[in-house]
Amino acid sequence: MCERVNNSAAVLQAATDGRGVVLARRVLAIDDVSAGRLILLIPKVKLAPQPAHYLVYRAESSSLPKSRLFANG
């Protein structure tokens, strides 16, 4: 079963619970790696951080003119 989680702590906890492979920031996972609770699957690969911003709102708000104006810039 594939689950989507949007919380760093929950993602790391799922991995330490054996629920699967996760993509996490090294700085957040380093304590678990150092303690042996997690391992680096591909230790030589380092991904460049790519900042992202998400606009989140209730579905019924998507039709409001001010919501569309804000989302479309």
N, C-alpha and C. Protein backbone atom coordinates (compact mmCIF):
# COMPACT_ATOMS: atom_id res chain seq x y z
N MET A 1 0.83 -1.17 0.00
CA MET A 1 0.00 0.00 0.00
C MET A 1 0.89 1.24 0.00
N CYS A 2 0.60 2.20 -0.84
CA CYS A 2 1.34 3.45 -0.93
C CYS A 2 0.60 4.52 -0.14
N GLU A 3 1.33 5.19 0.73
CA GLU A 3 0.73 6.26 1.51
C GLU A 3 1.43 7.56 1.20
N ARG A 4 0.70 8.66 1.24
CA ARG A 4 1.29 9.98 1.07
C ARG A 4 1.24 10.68 2.41
N VAL A 5 2.40 11.16 2.82
CA VAL A 5 2.50 11.87 4.09
C VAL A 5 3.24 13.16 3.83
N ASN A 6 2.74 14.25 4.37
CA ASN A 6 3.36 15.55 4.17
C ASN A 6 3.82 16.11 5.51
N ASN A 7 4.59 15.32 6.24
CA ASN A 7 5.09 15.73 7.54
C ASN A 7 6.42 15.02 7.76
N SER A 8 7.49 15.77 7.89
CA SER A 8 8.82 15.16 7.98
C SER A 8 8.95 14.19 9.12
N ALA A 9 8.43 14.56 10.29
CA ALA A 9 8.54 13.68 11.46
C ALA A 9 7.77 12.38 11.23
N ALA A 10 6.58 12.47 10.64
CA ALA A 10 5.77 11.28 10.37
C ALA A 10 6.44 10.38 9.34
N VAL A 11 7.07 10.99 8.34
CA VAL A 11 7.76 10.22 7.30
C VAL A 11 8.92 9.44 7.92
N LEU A 12 9.72 10.11 8.73
CA LEU A 12 10.85 9.43 9.37
C LEU A 12 10.38 8.36 10.33
N GLN A 13 9.31 8.62 11.06
CA GLN A 13 8.77 7.61 11.97
C GLN A 13 8.29 6.39 11.20
N ALA A 14 7.64 6.60 10.06
CA ALA A 14 7.18 5.49 9.23
C ALA A 14 8.37 4.64 8.79
N ALA A 15 9.46 5.30 8.41
CA ALA A 15 10.65 4.57 7.97
C ALA A 15 11.25 3.78 9.13
N THR A 16 11.35 4.39 10.30
CA THR A 16 11.93 3.67 11.45
C THR A 16 11.01 2.54 11.90
N ASP A 17 9.73 2.65 11.59
CA ASP A 17 8.78 1.57 11.91
C ASP A 17 8.80 0.46 10.86
N GLY A 18 9.64 0.63 9.83
CA GLY A 18 9.75 -0.40 8.80
C GLY A 18 8.66 -0.35 7.75
N ARG A 19 8.04 0.80 7.55
CA ARG A 19 6.92 0.90 6.62
C ARG A 19 7.33 1.21 5.20
N GLY A 20 8.65 1.40 4.96
CA GLY A 20 9.07 1.63 3.59
C GLY A 20 10.27 2.55 3.48
N VAL A 21 10.55 2.93 2.25
CA VAL A 21 11.67 3.80 1.93
C VAL A 21 11.14 5.23 1.85
N VAL A 22 11.91 6.17 2.38
CA VAL A 22 11.48 7.56 2.36
C VAL A 22 12.59 8.45 1.80
N LEU A 23 12.19 9.59 1.30
CA LEU A 23 13.12 10.62 0.87
C LEU A 23 13.03 11.72 1.91
N ALA A 24 14.13 11.96 2.61
CA ALA A 24 14.12 12.94 3.70
C ALA A 24 15.39 13.78 3.65
N ARG A 25 15.32 14.94 4.24
CA ARG A 25 16.51 15.78 4.34
C ARG A 25 17.50 15.11 5.29
N ARG A 26 18.75 15.10 4.89
CA ARG A 26 19.79 14.47 5.67
C ARG A 26 19.84 15.05 7.09
N VAL A 27 19.71 16.35 7.22
CA VAL A 27 19.79 17.00 8.53
C VAL A 27 18.69 16.49 9.47
N LEU A 28 17.55 16.10 8.94
CA LEU A 28 16.46 15.59 9.77
C LEU A 28 16.63 14.11 10.10
N ALA A 29 17.32 13.38 9.24
CA ALA A 29 17.45 11.93 9.42
C ALA A 29 18.77 11.51 10.06
N ILE A 30 19.72 12.43 10.19
CA ILE A 30 21.06 12.05 10.60
C ILE A 30 21.11 11.38 11.97
N ASP A 31 20.27 11.80 12.93
CA ASP A 31 20.27 11.15 14.24
C ASP A 31 19.83 9.69 14.13
N ASP A 32 18.80 9.42 13.33
CA ASP A 32 18.34 8.04 13.14
C ASP A 32 19.36 7.21 12.39
N VAL A 33 20.05 7.83 11.44
CA VAL A 33 21.11 7.12 10.70
C VAL A 33 22.27 6.81 11.64
N SER A 34 22.70 7.81 12.42
CA SER A 34 23.82 7.62 13.35
C SER A 34 23.51 6.55 14.40
N ALA A 35 22.25 6.48 14.81
CA ALA A 35 21.85 5.50 15.83
C ALA A 35 21.59 4.12 15.24
N GLY A 36 21.63 4.00 13.90
CA GLY A 36 21.41 2.70 13.26
C GLY A 36 19.95 2.36 13.04
N ARG A 37 19.05 3.30 13.31
CA ARG A 37 17.62 3.04 13.09
C ARG A 37 17.26 3.12 11.62
N LEU A 38 18.04 3.90 10.86
CA LEU A 38 17.85 4.04 9.42
C LEU A 38 19.20 3.90 8.73
N ILE A 39 19.17 3.54 7.46
CA ILE A 39 20.40 3.49 6.67
C ILE A 39 20.20 4.36 5.43
N LEU A 40 21.30 4.87 4.90
CA LEU A 40 21.25 5.61 3.65
C LEU A 40 21.23 4.59 2.52
N LEU A 41 20.18 4.59 1.75
CA LEU A 41 20.00 3.61 0.69
C LEU A 41 21.03 3.81 -0.42
N ILE A 42 21.26 5.05 -0.81
CA ILE A 42 22.24 5.39 -1.85
C ILE A 42 23.11 6.51 -1.27
N PRO A 43 24.10 6.17 -0.45
CA PRO A 43 24.84 7.19 0.29
C PRO A 43 25.63 8.18 -0.56
N LYS A 44 26.01 7.83 -1.76
CA LYS A 44 26.81 8.74 -2.58
C LYS A 44 25.98 9.75 -3.35
N VAL A 45 24.68 9.58 -3.38
CA VAL A 45 23.81 10.49 -4.12
C VAL A 45 23.37 11.62 -3.20
N LYS A 46 23.60 12.85 -3.67
CA LYS A 46 23.15 14.03 -2.93
C LYS A 46 22.31 14.87 -3.88
N LEU A 47 21.08 15.09 -3.52
CA LEU A 47 20.17 15.88 -4.34
C LEU A 47 20.22 17.34 -3.92
N ALA A 48 20.19 18.22 -4.89
CA ALA A 48 20.14 19.64 -4.59
C ALA A 48 18.74 19.99 -4.09
N PRO A 49 18.65 20.78 -3.02
CA PRO A 49 17.33 21.15 -2.52
C PRO A 49 16.59 22.00 -3.54
N GLN A 50 15.31 21.75 -3.66
CA GLN A 50 14.47 22.52 -4.57
C GLN A 50 13.29 23.07 -3.77
N PRO A 51 13.39 24.33 -3.38
CA PRO A 51 12.30 24.89 -2.58
C PRO A 51 10.99 24.91 -3.36
N ALA A 52 9.92 24.73 -2.65
CA ALA A 52 8.60 24.74 -3.27
C ALA A 52 7.61 25.41 -2.33
N HIS A 53 6.62 26.02 -2.92
CA HIS A 53 5.53 26.62 -2.16
C HIS A 53 4.23 26.06 -2.70
N TYR A 54 3.30 25.79 -1.82
CA TYR A 54 2.02 25.24 -2.22
C TYR A 54 0.90 26.15 -1.74
N LEU A 55 -0.04 26.40 -2.58
CA LEU A 55 -1.23 27.15 -2.23
C LEU A 55 -2.29 26.12 -1.84
N VAL A 56 -2.75 26.21 -0.61
CA VAL A 56 -3.70 25.22 -0.10
C VAL A 56 -4.97 25.95 0.34
N TYR A 57 -6.09 25.46 -0.13
CA TYR A 57 -7.36 26.06 0.24
C TYR A 57 -8.46 25.02 0.08
N ARG A 58 -9.61 25.32 0.65
CA ARG A 58 -10.74 24.41 0.56
C ARG A 58 -11.26 24.36 -0.87
N ALA A 59 -11.72 23.22 -1.30
CA ALA A 59 -12.17 23.03 -2.68
C ALA A 59 -13.22 24.04 -3.10
N GLU A 60 -14.15 24.34 -2.20
CA GLU A 60 -15.22 25.27 -2.58
C GLU A 60 -14.73 26.71 -2.75
N SER A 61 -13.54 27.00 -2.27
CA SER A 61 -12.97 28.34 -2.43
C SER A 61 -12.34 28.55 -3.80
N SER A 62 -12.14 27.49 -4.55
CA SER A 62 -11.46 27.61 -5.84
C SER A 62 -12.24 28.43 -6.86
N SER A 63 -13.53 28.54 -6.68
CA SER A 63 -14.34 29.30 -7.64
C SER A 63 -14.45 30.79 -7.29
N LEU A 64 -13.95 31.18 -6.12
CA LEU A 64 -14.01 32.58 -5.73
C LEU A 64 -13.03 33.40 -6.56
N PRO A 65 -13.46 34.54 -7.09
CA PRO A 65 -12.58 35.37 -7.92
C PRO A 65 -11.27 35.74 -7.21
N LYS A 66 -11.33 36.09 -5.93
CA LYS A 66 -10.10 36.49 -5.24
C LYS A 66 -9.15 35.30 -5.06
N SER A 67 -9.67 34.08 -4.93
CA SER A 67 -8.80 32.90 -4.85
C SER A 67 -8.10 32.66 -6.18
N ARG A 68 -8.85 32.77 -7.27
CA ARG A 68 -8.25 32.58 -8.60
C ARG A 68 -7.21 33.65 -8.89
N LEU A 69 -7.51 34.89 -8.53
CA LEU A 69 -6.58 35.99 -8.75
C LEU A 69 -5.28 35.76 -7.99
N PHE A 70 -5.39 35.35 -6.73
CA PHE A 70 -4.20 35.09 -5.93
C PHE A 70 -3.40 33.92 -6.50
N ALA A 71 -4.07 32.83 -6.87
CA ALA A 71 -3.38 31.64 -7.38
C ALA A 71 -2.69 31.90 -8.71
N ASN A 72 -3.29 32.72 -9.54
CA ASN A 72 -2.74 32.98 -10.88
C ASN A 72 -1.80 34.17 -10.92
N GLY A 73 -1.66 34.85 -9.80
CA GLY A 73 -0.72 35.98 -9.70
C GLY A 73 -1.24 37.17 -10.38
